[in-house]
């Protein structure tokens, strides 16, 4: 489908099945999502059912045909075949549908471009965090109350000397577990940034904490959670944090991918509505 007329677009948006609409809205929220991740979220593909796999392939192909989703030209989402190996972004019709569902009319959409490999890998890592939290929710480990990816998770504030600043975490997460609740500003680290850049990011969070914007708005300051690939990266961040003032050090928590859910759910259980760093 090369172009979608306005009447057809409205008909597609109004008649889209609920699961397909949720797929489109999820891709809009996360920017890039792999076929495997979409299958895990919406088709229970981790059960190994070939029926679910075929159903996912058909639905995603139809959404691409309708221009609700776009596929990247190169497969980066996995090693398997079929739709699971592709990476999906929002298509031009999908951009307009999401705005229409939000009551914002039918804006024109700009043409998409093929993102770089590093940016794609990082964006998919953030999407993977969302998938794992949804699976933890289904398993009863925690309730995912809020998940904001970029740019919705960015924070604007006034820095030292009155300069306008923008803090750019990778995600904002709020979890509930029983009577407890906790929030997190998340940095997903793939081990590619140099020490100097990591140090500057720590200082930016410290400056944002001192600005008091988050505390004035919500009454708490989220834990700053760094998700890292291995123990060597944990050691590097710990060394950087030792150079910070004691109050700033308390803002940060570091977890490897293997311990991510244990740390997240554990902090949500241990911090009754305080929202402070562990």
Protein backbone atom coordinates (compact mmCIF):
# COMPACT_ATOMS: atom_id res chain seq x y z
CA UNK A 1 0.00 0.00 0.00
CA UNK A 2 1.93 3.01 -1.26
CA UNK A 3 -0.34 5.77 0.06
CA UNK A 4 -3.28 5.80 2.46
CA UNK A 5 -6.09 8.27 1.75
CA UNK A 6 -7.73 10.09 4.64
CA UNK A 7 -11.04 8.16 4.39
CA UNK A 8 -9.18 4.85 4.29
CA UNK A 9 -6.91 5.93 7.14
CA UNK A 10 -9.90 6.81 9.33
CA UNK A 11 -11.58 3.52 8.44
CA UNK A 12 -8.43 1.57 9.30
CA UNK A 13 -7.98 3.44 12.57
CA UNK A 14 -11.61 3.02 13.64
CA UNK A 15 -11.79 -0.63 12.61
CA UNK A 16 -8.40 -1.83 13.80
CA UNK A 17 -8.63 -4.78 16.21
CA UNK A 18 -7.63 -3.94 19.78
CA UNK A 19 -4.46 -6.05 19.77
CA UNK A 20 -3.22 -4.46 16.56
CA UNK A 21 -3.95 -0.99 17.88
CA UNK A 22 -1.96 -1.80 21.02
CA UNK A 23 0.94 -3.00 18.87
CA UNK A 24 0.98 0.28 16.97
CA UNK A 25 0.73 2.32 20.18
CA UNK A 26 3.54 0.31 21.78
CA UNK A 27 5.85 0.93 18.81
CA UNK A 28 4.95 4.63 19.02
CA UNK A 29 5.87 4.63 22.72
CA UNK A 30 9.19 2.78 22.30
CA UNK A 31 10.27 4.05 18.82
CA UNK A 32 11.83 0.73 17.72
CA UNK A 33 10.73 -2.77 18.69
CA UNK A 34 11.91 -6.10 17.36
CA UNK A 35 9.52 -8.71 16.01
CA UNK A 36 10.54 -11.04 18.81
CA UNK A 37 9.73 -8.40 21.41
CA UNK A 38 6.32 -7.74 19.87
CA UNK A 39 5.66 -11.47 19.78
CA UNK A 40 6.54 -11.78 23.46
CA UNK A 41 4.28 -8.88 24.37
CA UNK A 42 1.24 -9.70 22.26
CA UNK A 43 1.40 -13.31 21.04
CA UNK A 44 2.92 -15.31 23.91
CA UNK A 45 5.70 -16.46 21.58
CA UNK A 46 7.93 -17.46 24.50
CA UNK A 47 5.61 -20.45 24.94
CA UNK A 48 7.08 -21.89 21.76
CA UNK A 49 3.72 -22.25 20.02
CA UNK A 50 4.08 -22.35 16.23
CA UNK A 51 0.49 -21.09 15.97
CA UNK A 52 1.39 -17.92 17.90
CA UNK A 53 4.46 -17.45 15.71
CA UNK A 54 2.45 -17.70 12.49
CA UNK A 55 -0.22 -15.38 13.86
CA UNK A 56 2.40 -12.79 14.81
CA UNK A 57 3.95 -13.01 11.33
CA UNK A 58 0.59 -12.43 9.65
CA UNK A 59 -0.43 -9.51 11.88
CA UNK A 60 2.90 -7.69 11.59
CA UNK A 61 2.97 -8.19 7.81
CA UNK A 62 -0.53 -6.71 7.58
CA UNK A 63 0.43 -3.68 9.67
CA UNK A 64 3.45 -3.10 7.43
CA UNK A 65 1.24 -3.39 4.34
CA UNK A 66 -1.12 -0.80 5.83
CA UNK A 67 1.88 1.50 6.54
CA UNK A 68 0.99 1.48 10.23
CA UNK A 69 4.44 0.00 10.85
CA UNK A 70 7.70 0.22 8.92
CA UNK A 71 10.42 -2.42 8.88
CA UNK A 72 14.07 -1.47 8.91
CA UNK A 73 15.83 -2.43 5.71
CA UNK A 74 18.36 -4.61 7.53
CA UNK A 75 17.41 -7.34 9.97
CA UNK A 76 18.73 -6.54 13.43
CA UNK A 77 16.15 -7.90 15.79
CA UNK A 78 17.38 -11.46 16.15
CA UNK A 79 18.97 -14.47 14.51
CA UNK A 80 15.82 -16.39 13.67
CA UNK A 81 13.78 -16.18 10.52
CA UNK A 82 10.44 -14.57 9.79
CA UNK A 83 9.05 -11.48 11.47
CA UNK A 84 11.00 -12.04 14.72
CA UNK A 85 14.26 -11.03 13.01
CA UNK A 86 12.98 -7.65 11.83
CA UNK A 87 12.96 -4.34 13.67
CA UNK A 88 9.78 -2.28 13.44
CA UNK A 89 9.19 1.44 13.71
CA UNK A 90 6.09 3.54 13.27
CA UNK A 91 5.00 3.92 9.65
CA UNK A 92 3.54 7.10 8.14
CA UNK A 93 -0.04 5.85 8.53
CA UNK A 94 0.80 4.74 12.07
CA UNK A 95 2.00 8.22 13.01
CA UNK A 96 -1.31 9.67 11.88
CA UNK A 97 -3.37 6.91 13.51
CA UNK A 98 -1.75 7.45 16.91
CA UNK A 99 -2.49 11.19 16.67
CA UNK A 100 -6.07 10.45 15.58
CA UNK A 101 -6.63 8.07 18.52
CA UNK A 102 -5.29 10.77 20.86
CA UNK A 103 -7.79 13.29 19.47
CA UNK A 104 -5.12 15.34 17.73
CA UNK A 105 -6.45 15.10 14.20
CA UNK A 106 -4.50 13.71 11.24
CA UNK A 107 -1.14 15.49 11.01
CA UNK A 108 1.13 14.96 8.04
CA UNK A 109 3.94 12.49 8.66
CA UNK A 110 7.50 12.88 7.49
CA UNK A 111 9.45 10.16 5.74
CA UNK A 112 11.40 7.81 7.96
CA UNK A 113 15.15 7.29 7.73
CA UNK A 114 17.23 4.20 8.45
CA UNK A 115 18.84 4.69 11.89
CA UNK A 116 22.42 3.73 12.68
CA UNK A 117 23.36 0.39 14.18
CA UNK A 118 24.46 1.78 17.58
CA UNK A 119 21.29 3.83 18.06
CA UNK A 120 19.14 0.88 17.00
CA UNK A 121 20.86 -1.48 19.46
CA UNK A 122 20.42 0.97 22.32
CA UNK A 123 16.76 1.66 21.51
CA UNK A 124 16.03 -2.07 21.35
CA UNK A 125 17.74 -2.51 24.73
CA UNK A 126 15.31 0.03 26.23
CA UNK A 127 12.42 -1.81 24.55
CA UNK A 128 13.72 -5.04 26.09
CA UNK A 129 13.48 -3.44 29.53
CA UNK A 130 9.81 -2.71 28.84
CA UNK A 131 9.20 -6.31 27.70
CA UNK A 132 10.84 -7.74 30.82
CA UNK A 133 8.84 -5.48 33.10
CA UNK A 134 5.59 -6.50 31.38
CA UNK A 135 6.52 -10.17 31.79
CA UNK A 136 7.34 -9.53 35.47
CA UNK A 137 3.93 -7.90 35.83
CA UNK A 138 2.22 -10.92 34.31
CA UNK A 139 4.13 -13.14 36.75
CA UNK A 140 2.88 -11.04 39.68
CA UNK A 141 6.29 -9.70 40.69
CA UNK A 142 5.40 -6.02 40.31
CA UNK A 143 2.85 -3.70 38.75
CA UNK A 144 4.18 -1.50 35.96
CA UNK A 145 2.45 1.80 36.66
CA UNK A 146 4.40 4.05 34.26
CA UNK A 147 6.95 3.46 31.53
CA UNK A 148 8.10 6.55 29.62
CA UNK A 149 10.78 6.16 26.95
CA UNK A 150 12.60 9.01 25.23
CA UNK A 151 11.75 11.82 24.75
CA UNK A 152 8.77 11.66 27.13
CA UNK A 153 11.08 10.83 30.05
CA UNK A 154 13.33 13.88 29.57
CA UNK A 155 13.45 16.47 32.36
CA UNK A 156 13.92 20.20 31.86
CA UNK A 157 15.44 22.25 34.67
CA UNK A 158 17.55 25.30 35.45
CA UNK A 159 21.19 24.50 36.11
CA UNK A 160 23.98 26.39 37.79
CA UNK A 161 24.11 30.02 36.76
CA UNK A 162 20.54 29.94 35.47
CA UNK A 163 21.34 27.92 32.35
CA UNK A 164 18.48 25.94 30.79
CA UNK A 165 19.27 22.22 30.93
CA UNK A 166 17.66 19.01 29.71
CA UNK A 167 18.36 15.74 31.52
CA UNK A 168 17.97 12.85 29.07
CA UNK A 169 17.51 9.50 30.81
CA UNK A 170 16.68 6.50 28.66
CA UNK A 171 13.45 5.75 30.51
CA UNK A 172 11.33 6.64 33.50
CA UNK A 173 9.75 3.70 35.35
CA UNK A 174 7.29 3.64 38.23
CA UNK A 175 6.57 0.29 39.88
CA UNK A 176 4.08 -0.84 42.47
CA UNK A 177 4.30 -3.97 44.60
CA UNK A 178 1.56 -4.37 47.16
CA UNK A 179 1.36 -1.23 49.27
CA UNK A 180 4.78 0.01 48.13
CA UNK A 181 5.74 2.11 45.13
CA UNK A 182 9.05 3.31 43.70
CA UNK A 183 10.24 5.26 40.69
CA UNK A 184 13.40 5.13 38.60
CA UNK A 185 15.25 7.22 36.06
CA UNK A 186 16.96 4.55 33.96
CA UNK A 187 20.23 4.57 32.04
CA UNK A 188 20.71 1.55 29.76
CA UNK A 189 24.46 1.18 29.26
CA UNK A 190 25.77 -1.12 26.52
CA UNK A 191 29.40 -0.62 27.47
CA UNK A 192 30.19 1.78 24.62
CA UNK A 193 30.45 5.14 26.39
CA UNK A 194 33.81 6.35 27.70
CA UNK A 195 34.49 7.12 31.33
CA UNK A 196 34.38 10.88 30.73
CA UNK A 197 30.89 10.73 29.30
CA UNK A 198 29.67 8.50 32.13
CA UNK A 199 31.12 10.93 34.67
CA UNK A 200 29.36 13.87 33.04
CA UNK A 201 26.06 11.97 33.14
CA UNK A 202 26.49 11.35 36.87
CA UNK A 203 27.13 15.05 37.45
CA UNK A 204 24.05 15.94 35.38
CA UNK A 205 21.86 13.78 37.63
CA UNK A 206 23.45 15.35 40.71
CA UNK A 207 22.72 18.81 39.34
CA UNK A 208 19.13 17.84 38.55
CA UNK A 209 18.71 16.55 42.10
CA UNK A 210 20.00 19.84 43.52
CA UNK A 211 17.61 21.80 41.27
CA UNK A 212 14.70 20.23 43.20
CA UNK A 213 12.34 20.07 40.22
CA UNK A 214 11.35 16.43 40.69
CA UNK A 215 10.90 16.79 44.43
CA UNK A 216 8.70 19.87 43.99
CA UNK A 217 6.51 18.06 41.47
CA UNK A 218 6.17 14.62 43.07
CA UNK A 219 7.59 14.95 46.57
CA UNK A 220 10.29 12.35 45.89
CA UNK A 221 13.40 11.90 43.77
CA UNK A 222 13.58 8.68 41.72
CA UNK A 223 16.40 6.20 42.10
CA UNK A 224 18.83 6.53 39.20
CA UNK A 225 19.28 2.98 37.93
CA UNK A 226 22.17 2.09 35.63
CA UNK A 227 21.66 -1.18 33.74
CA UNK A 228 25.04 -2.53 32.64
CA UNK A 229 26.21 -5.60 30.71
CA UNK A 230 28.79 -7.10 33.10
CA UNK A 231 30.71 -6.91 36.37
CA UNK A 232 33.54 -4.88 34.86
CA UNK A 233 31.08 -2.13 34.01
CA UNK A 234 29.66 -2.32 37.55
CA UNK A 235 33.17 -1.73 38.89
CA UNK A 236 33.75 1.22 36.56
CA UNK A 237 30.53 2.95 37.65
CA UNK A 238 31.30 2.24 41.31
CA UNK A 239 34.68 3.91 40.87
CA UNK A 240 33.06 6.96 39.27
CA UNK A 241 30.50 7.18 42.05
CA UNK A 242 33.18 7.05 44.75
CA UNK A 243 34.36 10.41 43.45
CA UNK A 244 30.96 12.02 44.09
CA UNK A 245 29.79 13.67 47.32
CA UNK A 246 28.08 11.26 49.71
CA UNK A 247 24.63 12.74 49.07
CA UNK A 248 25.06 12.31 45.30
CA UNK A 249 26.33 8.72 45.63
CA UNK A 250 23.04 7.74 47.28
CA UNK A 251 21.14 8.64 44.13
CA UNK A 252 22.57 5.77 42.10
CA UNK A 253 21.97 2.03 41.86
CA UNK A 254 23.74 -0.28 39.40
CA UNK A 255 22.44 -3.63 38.16
CA UNK A 256 23.58 -6.10 35.53
CA UNK A 257 20.98 -7.43 33.10
CA UNK A 258 20.91 -10.72 35.01
CA UNK A 259 19.99 -9.03 38.32
CA UNK A 260 17.79 -6.31 36.86
CA UNK A 261 14.38 -7.59 37.97
CA UNK A 262 15.68 -8.65 41.38
CA UNK A 263 17.02 -5.14 41.98
CA UNK A 264 13.94 -3.36 40.61
CA UNK A 265 11.40 -5.45 42.49
CA UNK A 266 13.55 -5.48 45.62
CA UNK A 267 13.80 -1.70 45.70
CA UNK A 268 10.07 -1.36 45.14
CA UNK A 269 9.49 -3.61 48.17
CA UNK A 270 12.04 -1.89 50.41
CA UNK A 271 11.20 1.76 49.73
CA UNK A 272 7.67 2.57 50.95
CA UNK A 273 6.70 5.65 48.91
CA UNK A 274 10.04 7.30 49.66
CA UNK A 275 11.29 7.16 46.09
CA UNK A 276 14.86 7.64 47.25
CA UNK A 277 17.92 5.86 45.94
CA UNK A 278 18.98 2.58 47.50
